[in-house]
Amino acid sequence: MGMRTKTRCVRDASNSRSKRVMEKCGFVFDRIERDVPCELMGDMRDERFACLTQSGWVEGLLT
């Protein structure tokens, strides 16, 4: 079984606090998806995806 080389996370585009936490963890912007249905809130939202590569994670450990 091989190791994953990239981890992704997603947040509501308007959630600036989540953005900051993701940045502190070393995640970088990957893409945005517009008008994604949010069943819990009953509306449409923009979602921002970020990723953390294995090499980025290792670099973060070294700094």
PDB file of N, CA and C in Angstrom:
ATOM      1  N   MET A   1       0.849  -1.175   0.000  1.00  0.00           N
ATOM      2  CA  MET A   1       0.000   0.000   0.000  1.00  0.00           C
ATOM      3  C   MET A   1       0.895   1.239   0.000  1.00  0.00           C
ATOM      4  N   GLY A   2       0.665   2.160  -0.927  1.00  0.00           N
ATOM      5  CA  GLY A   2       1.484   3.356  -1.038  1.00  0.00           C
ATOM      6  C   GLY A   2       1.002   4.481  -0.133  1.00  0.00           C
ATOM      7  N   MET A   3       1.880   5.431   0.083  1.00  0.00           N
ATOM      8  CA  MET A   3       1.545   6.595   0.903  1.00  0.00           C
ATOM      9  C   MET A   3       0.870   7.663   0.063  1.00  0.00           C
ATOM     10  N   ARG A   4      -0.063   8.372   0.635  1.00  0.00           N
ATOM     11  CA  ARG A   4      -0.659   9.503  -0.057  1.00  0.00           C
ATOM     12  C   ARG A   4       0.350  10.628  -0.116  1.00  0.00           C
ATOM     13  N   THR A   5       0.345  11.350  -1.220  1.00  0.00           N
ATOM     14  CA  THR A   5       1.293  12.447  -1.346  1.00  0.00           C
ATOM     15  C   THR A   5       0.617  13.806  -1.252  1.00  0.00           C
ATOM     16  N   LYS A   6      -0.715  13.820  -1.116  1.00  0.00           N
ATOM     17  CA  LYS A   6      -1.428  15.093  -1.022  1.00  0.00           C
ATOM     18  C   LYS A   6      -2.666  14.924  -0.150  1.00  0.00           C
ATOM     19  N   THR A   7      -2.902  15.884   0.732  1.00  0.00           N
ATOM     20  CA  THR A   7      -4.092  15.898   1.572  1.00  0.00           C
ATOM     21  C   THR A   7      -4.886  17.142   1.222  1.00  0.00           C
ATOM     22  N   ARG A   8      -6.200  17.004   1.082  1.00  0.00           N
ATOM     23  CA  ARG A   8      -7.049  18.142   0.736  1.00  0.00           C
ATOM     24  C   ARG A   8      -8.037  18.424   1.851  1.00  0.00           C
ATOM     25  N   CYS A   9      -8.408  19.695   1.956  1.00  0.00           N
ATOM     26  CA  CYS A   9      -9.485  20.084   2.863  1.00  0.00           C
ATOM     27  C   CYS A   9     -10.317  21.153   2.155  1.00  0.00           C
ATOM     28  N   VAL A  10     -11.508  21.367   2.671  1.00  0.00           N
ATOM     29  CA  VAL A  10     -12.432  22.310   2.039  1.00  0.00           C
ATOM     30  C   VAL A  10     -13.084  23.162   3.112  1.00  0.00           C
ATOM     31  N   ARG A  11     -13.416  24.397   2.738  1.00  0.00           N
ATOM     32  CA  ARG A  11     -14.095  25.305   3.656  1.00  0.00           C
ATOM     33  C   ARG A  11     -15.060  26.170   2.872  1.00  0.00           C
ATOM     34  N   ASP A  12     -16.022  26.738   3.576  1.00  0.00           N
ATOM     35  CA  ASP A  12     -16.915  27.730   2.992  1.00  0.00           C
ATOM     36  C   ASP A  12     -16.058  28.944   2.626  1.00  0.00           C
ATOM     37  N   ALA A  13     -16.226  29.472   1.447  1.00  0.00           N
ATOM     38  CA  ALA A  13     -15.388  30.575   0.967  1.00  0.00           C
ATOM     39  C   ALA A  13     -15.467  31.813   1.859  1.00  0.00           C
ATOM     40  N   SER A  14     -16.554  31.980   2.594  1.00  0.00           N
ATOM     41  CA  SER A  14     -16.706  33.167   3.437  1.00  0.00           C
ATOM     42  C   SER A  14     -16.129  32.982   4.846  1.00  0.00           C
ATOM     43  N   ASN A  15     -15.628  31.801   5.163  1.00  0.00           N
ATOM     44  CA  ASN A  15     -15.138  31.519   6.510  1.00  0.00           C
ATOM     45  C   ASN A  15     -13.649  31.857   6.621  1.00  0.00           C
ATOM     46  N   SER A  16     -13.359  33.090   7.009  1.00  0.00           N
ATOM     47  CA  SER A  16     -11.969  33.553   7.070  1.00  0.00           C
ATOM     48  C   SER A  16     -11.184  32.896   8.209  1.00  0.00           C
ATOM     49  N   ARG A  17     -11.858  32.509   9.274  1.00  0.00           N
ATOM     50  CA  ARG A  17     -11.151  31.848  10.380  1.00  0.00           C
ATOM     51  C   ARG A  17     -10.639  30.472   9.962  1.00  0.00           C
ATOM     52  N   SER A  18     -11.456  29.741   9.224  1.00  0.00           N
ATOM     53  CA  SER A  18     -11.003  28.443   8.723  1.00  0.00           C
ATOM     54  C   SER A  18      -9.848  28.618   7.752  1.00  0.00           C
ATOM     55  N   LYS A  19      -9.910  29.662   6.948  1.00  0.00           N
ATOM     56  CA  LYS A  19      -8.824  29.947   6.007  1.00  0.00           C
ATOM     57  C   LYS A  19      -7.509  30.117   6.764  1.00  0.00           C
ATOM     58  N   ARG A  20      -7.533  30.879   7.836  1.00  0.00           N
ATOM     59  CA  ARG A  20      -6.328  31.142   8.609  1.00  0.00           C
ATOM     60  C   ARG A  20      -5.774  29.858   9.241  1.00  0.00           C
ATOM     61  N   VAL A  21      -6.650  29.018   9.772  1.00  0.00           N
ATOM     62  CA  VAL A  21      -6.206  27.752  10.366  1.00  0.00           C
ATOM     63  C   VAL A  21      -5.553  26.874   9.303  1.00  0.00           C
ATOM     64  N   MET A  22      -6.169  26.806   8.129  1.00  0.00           N
ATOM     65  CA  MET A  22      -5.614  25.998   7.047  1.00  0.00           C
ATOM     66  C   MET A  22      -4.235  26.512   6.641  1.00  0.00           C
ATOM     67  N   GLU A  23      -4.084  27.829   6.554  1.00  0.00           N
ATOM     68  CA  GLU A  23      -2.790  28.417   6.194  1.00  0.00           C
ATOM     69  C   GLU A  23      -1.737  28.107   7.257  1.00  0.00           C
ATOM     70  N   LYS A  24      -2.115  28.202   8.526  1.00  0.00           N
ATOM     71  CA  LYS A  24      -1.175  27.900   9.607  1.00  0.00           C
ATOM     72  C   LYS A  24      -0.704  26.446   9.558  1.00  0.00           C
ATOM     73  N   CYS A  25      -1.561  25.570   9.084  1.00  0.00           N
ATOM     74  CA  CYS A  25      -1.216  24.156   8.979  1.00  0.00           C
ATOM     75  C   CYS A  25      -0.406  23.843   7.718  1.00  0.00           C
ATOM     76  N   GLY A  26      -0.231  24.834   6.848  1.00  0.00           N
ATOM     77  CA  GLY A  26       0.580  24.643   5.649  1.00  0.00           C
ATOM     78  C   GLY A  26      -0.192  24.347   4.384  1.00  0.00           C
ATOM     79  N   PHE A  27      -1.523  24.372   4.447  1.00  0.00           N
ATOM     80  CA  PHE A  27      -2.327  24.135   3.253  1.00  0.00           C
ATOM     81  C   PHE A  27      -2.261  25.346   2.326  1.00  0.00           C
ATOM     82  N   VAL A  28      -2.285  25.087   1.028  1.00  0.00           N
ATOM     83  CA  VAL A  28      -2.276  26.159   0.031  1.00  0.00           C
ATOM     84  C   VAL A  28      -3.493  26.021  -0.882  1.00  0.00           C
ATOM     85  N   PHE A  29      -3.946  27.153  -1.408  1.00  0.00           N
ATOM     86  CA  PHE A  29      -5.131  27.180  -2.270  1.00  0.00           C
ATOM     87  C   PHE A  29      -4.972  26.223  -3.439  1.00  0.00           C
ATOM     88  N   ASP A  30      -6.039  25.476  -3.722  1.00  0.00           N
ATOM     89  CA  ASP A  30      -6.054  24.534  -4.840  1.00  0.00           C
ATOM     90  C   ASP A  30      -7.082  24.936  -5.889  1.00  0.00           C
ATOM     91  N   ARG A  31      -8.336  25.135  -5.459  1.00  0.00           N
ATOM     92  CA  ARG A  31      -9.393  25.511  -6.417  1.00  0.00           C
ATOM     93  C   ARG A  31     -10.625  25.991  -5.661  1.00  0.00           C
ATOM     94  N   ILE A  32     -11.570  26.570  -6.395  1.00  0.00           N
ATOM     95  CA  ILE A  32     -12.847  26.989  -5.816  1.00  0.00           C
ATOM     96  C   ILE A  32     -13.968  26.361  -6.637  1.00  0.00           C
ATOM     97  N   GLU A  33     -14.996  25.914  -5.963  1.00  0.00           N
ATOM     98  CA  GLU A  33     -16.198  25.395  -6.625  1.00  0.00           C
ATOM     99  C   GLU A  33     -17.351  26.304  -6.237  1.00  0.00           C
ATOM    100  N   ARG A  34     -18.038  26.827  -7.219  1.00  0.00           N
ATOM    101  CA  ARG A  34     -19.114  27.794  -7.007  1.00  0.00           C
ATOM    102  C   ARG A  34     -20.477  27.115  -6.910  1.00  0.00           C
ATOM    103  N   ASP A  35     -21.348  27.703  -6.126  1.00  0.00           N
ATOM    104  CA  ASP A  35     -22.745  27.272  -6.004  1.00  0.00           C
ATOM    105  C   ASP A  35     -22.905  25.789  -5.682  1.00  0.00           C
ATOM    106  N   VAL A  36     -22.257  25.368  -4.614  1.00  0.00           N
ATOM    107  CA  VAL A  36     -22.376  23.985  -4.132  1.00  0.00           C
ATOM    108  C   VAL A  36     -23.521  23.950  -3.125  1.00  0.00           C
ATOM    109  N   PRO A  37     -24.479  23.006  -3.283  1.00  0.00           N
ATOM    110  CA  PRO A  37     -25.589  22.943  -2.347  1.00  0.00           C
ATOM    111  C   PRO A  37     -25.128  22.602  -0.926  1.00  0.00           C
ATOM    112  N   CYS A  38     -25.632  23.350   0.036  1.00  0.00           N
ATOM    113  CA  CYS A  38     -25.363  23.095   1.455  1.00  0.00           C
ATOM    114  C   CYS A  38     -26.681  22.624   2.063  1.00  0.00           C
ATOM    115  N   GLU A  39     -26.813  21.317   2.239  1.00  0.00           N
ATOM    116  CA  GLU A  39     -28.068  20.749   2.725  1.00  0.00           C
ATOM    117  C   GLU A  39     -28.410  21.226   4.136  1.00  0.00           C
ATOM    118  N   LEU A  40     -27.409  21.357   4.989  1.00  0.00           N
ATOM    119  CA  LEU A  40     -27.637  21.758   6.370  1.00  0.00           C
ATOM    120  C   LEU A  40     -28.268  23.147   6.460  1.00  0.00           C
ATOM    121  N   MET A  41     -27.773  24.084   5.650  1.00  0.00           N
ATOM    122  CA  MET A  41     -28.266  25.458   5.694  1.00  0.00           C
ATOM    123  C   MET A  41     -29.352  25.732   4.652  1.00  0.00           C
ATOM    124  N   GLY A  42     -29.545  24.810   3.719  1.00  0.00           N
ATOM    125  CA  GLY A  42     -30.580  24.962   2.709  1.00  0.00           C
ATOM    126  C   GLY A  42     -30.291  26.052   1.695  1.00  0.00           C
ATOM    127  N   ASP A  43     -29.004  26.274   1.382  1.00  0.00           N
ATOM    128  CA  ASP A  43     -28.652  27.282   0.385  1.00  0.00           C
ATOM    129  C   ASP A  43     -27.473  26.806  -0.458  1.00  0.00           C
ATOM    130  N   MET A  44     -26.969  27.695  -1.286  1.00  0.00           N
ATOM    131  CA  MET A  44     -25.820  27.391  -2.138  1.00  0.00           C
ATOM    132  C   MET A  44     -24.617  28.163  -1.606  1.00  0.00           C
ATOM    133  N   ARG A  45     -23.454  27.535  -1.648  1.00  0.00           N
ATOM    134  CA  ARG A  45     -22.231  28.156  -1.127  1.00  0.00           C
ATOM    135  C   ARG A  45     -21.087  27.962  -2.114  1.00  0.00           C
ATOM    136  N   ASP A  46     -20.113  28.834  -2.004  1.00  0.00           N
ATOM    137  CA  ASP A  46     -18.854  28.635  -2.716  1.00  0.00           C
ATOM    138  C   ASP A  46     -17.910  27.914  -1.763  1.00  0.00           C
ATOM    139  N   GLU A  47     -17.212  26.896  -2.261  1.00  0.00           N
ATOM    140  CA  GLU A  47     -16.280  26.148  -1.435  1.00  0.00           C
ATOM    141  C   GLU A  47     -14.868  26.307  -1.975  1.00  0.00           C
ATOM    142  N   ARG A  48     -13.930  26.564  -1.074  1.00  0.00           N
ATOM    143  CA  ARG A  48     -12.520  26.700  -1.436  1.00  0.00           C
ATOM    144  C   ARG A  48     -11.774  25.453  -0.968  1.00  0.00           C
ATOM    145  N   PHE A  49     -11.053  24.854  -1.872  1.00  0.00           N
ATOM    146  CA  PHE A  49     -10.265  23.672  -1.579  1.00  0.00           C
ATOM    147  C   PHE A  49      -8.803  24.070  -1.412  1.00  0.00           C
ATOM    148  N   ALA A  50      -8.140  23.431  -0.482  1.00  0.00           N
ATOM    149  CA  ALA A  50      -6.718  23.652  -0.259  1.00  0.00           C
ATOM    150  C   ALA A  50      -6.050  22.290  -0.143  1.00  0.00           C
ATOM    151  N   CYS A  51      -4.756  22.251  -0.403  1.00  0.00           N
ATOM    152  CA  CYS A  51      -4.048  20.981  -0.300  1.00  0.00           C
ATOM    153  C   CYS A  51      -2.719  21.167   0.419  1.00  0.00           C
ATOM    154  N   LEU A  52      -2.246  20.062   0.937  1.00  0.00           N
ATOM    155  CA  LEU A  52      -0.955  20.004   1.605  1.00  0.00           C
ATOM    156  C   LEU A  52      -0.229  18.809   1.019  1.00  0.00           C
ATOM    157  N   THR A  53       0.897  19.059   0.370  1.00  0.00           N
ATOM    158  CA  THR A  53       1.667  17.969  -0.208  1.00  0.00           C
ATOM    159  C   THR A  53       2.575  17.366   0.849  1.00  0.00           C
ATOM    160  N   GLN A  54       3.043  16.171   0.573  1.00  0.00           N
ATOM    161  CA  GLN A  54       3.947  15.512   1.505  1.00  0.00           C
ATOM    162  C   GLN A  54       5.212  16.351   1.669  1.00  0.00           C
ATOM    163  N   SER A  55       5.738  16.885   0.579  1.00  0.00           N
ATOM    164  CA  SER A  55       6.949  17.699   0.675  1.00  0.00           C
ATOM    165  C   SER A  55       6.685  18.991   1.439  1.00  0.00           C
ATOM    166  N   GLY A  56       5.498  19.584   1.278  1.00  0.00           N
ATOM    167  CA  GLY A  56       5.142  20.788   2.033  1.00  0.00           C
ATOM    168  C   GLY A  56       5.027  20.516   3.516  1.00  0.00           C
ATOM    169  N   TRP A  57       4.514  19.344   3.859  1.00  0.00           N
ATOM    170  CA  TRP A  57       4.390  18.960   5.262  1.00  0.00           C
ATOM    171  C   TRP A  57       5.775  18.784   5.876  1.00  0.00           C
ATOM    172  N   VAL A  58       6.655  18.117   5.154  1.00  0.00           N
ATOM    173  CA  VAL A  58       8.021  17.894   5.650  1.00  0.00           C
ATOM    174  C   VAL A  58       8.735  19.238   5.817  1.00  0.00           C
ATOM    175  N   GLU A  59       8.577  20.144   4.853  1.00  0.00           N
ATOM    176  CA  GLU A  59       9.184  21.485   4.965  1.00  0.00           C
ATOM    177  C   GLU A  59       8.691  22.198   6.209  1.00  0.00           C
ATOM    178  N   GLY A  60       7.396  22.082   6.508  1.00  0.00           N
ATOM    179  CA  GLY A  60       6.824  22.708   7.698  1.00  0.00           C
ATOM    180  C   GLY A  60       7.415  22.159   8.983  1.00  0.00           C
ATOM    181  N   LEU A  61       7.756  20.888   8.986  1.00  0.00           N
ATOM    182  CA  LEU A  61       8.378  20.279  10.165  1.00  0.00           C
ATOM    183  C   LEU A  61       9.788  20.807  10.385  1.00  0.00           C
ATOM    184  N   LEU A  62      10.441  21.181   9.297  1.00  0.00           N
ATOM    185  CA  LEU A  62      11.838  21.602   9.385  1.00  0.00           C
ATOM    186  C   LEU A  62      11.999  23.073   9.730  1.00  0.00           C
ATOM    187  N   THR A  63      10.896  23.844   9.655  1.00  0.00           N
ATOM    188  CA  THR A  63      11.008  25.291   9.946  1.00  0.00           C
ATOM    189  C   THR A  63      10.562  25.620  11.341  1.00  0.00           C
TER     190      THR A  63
END
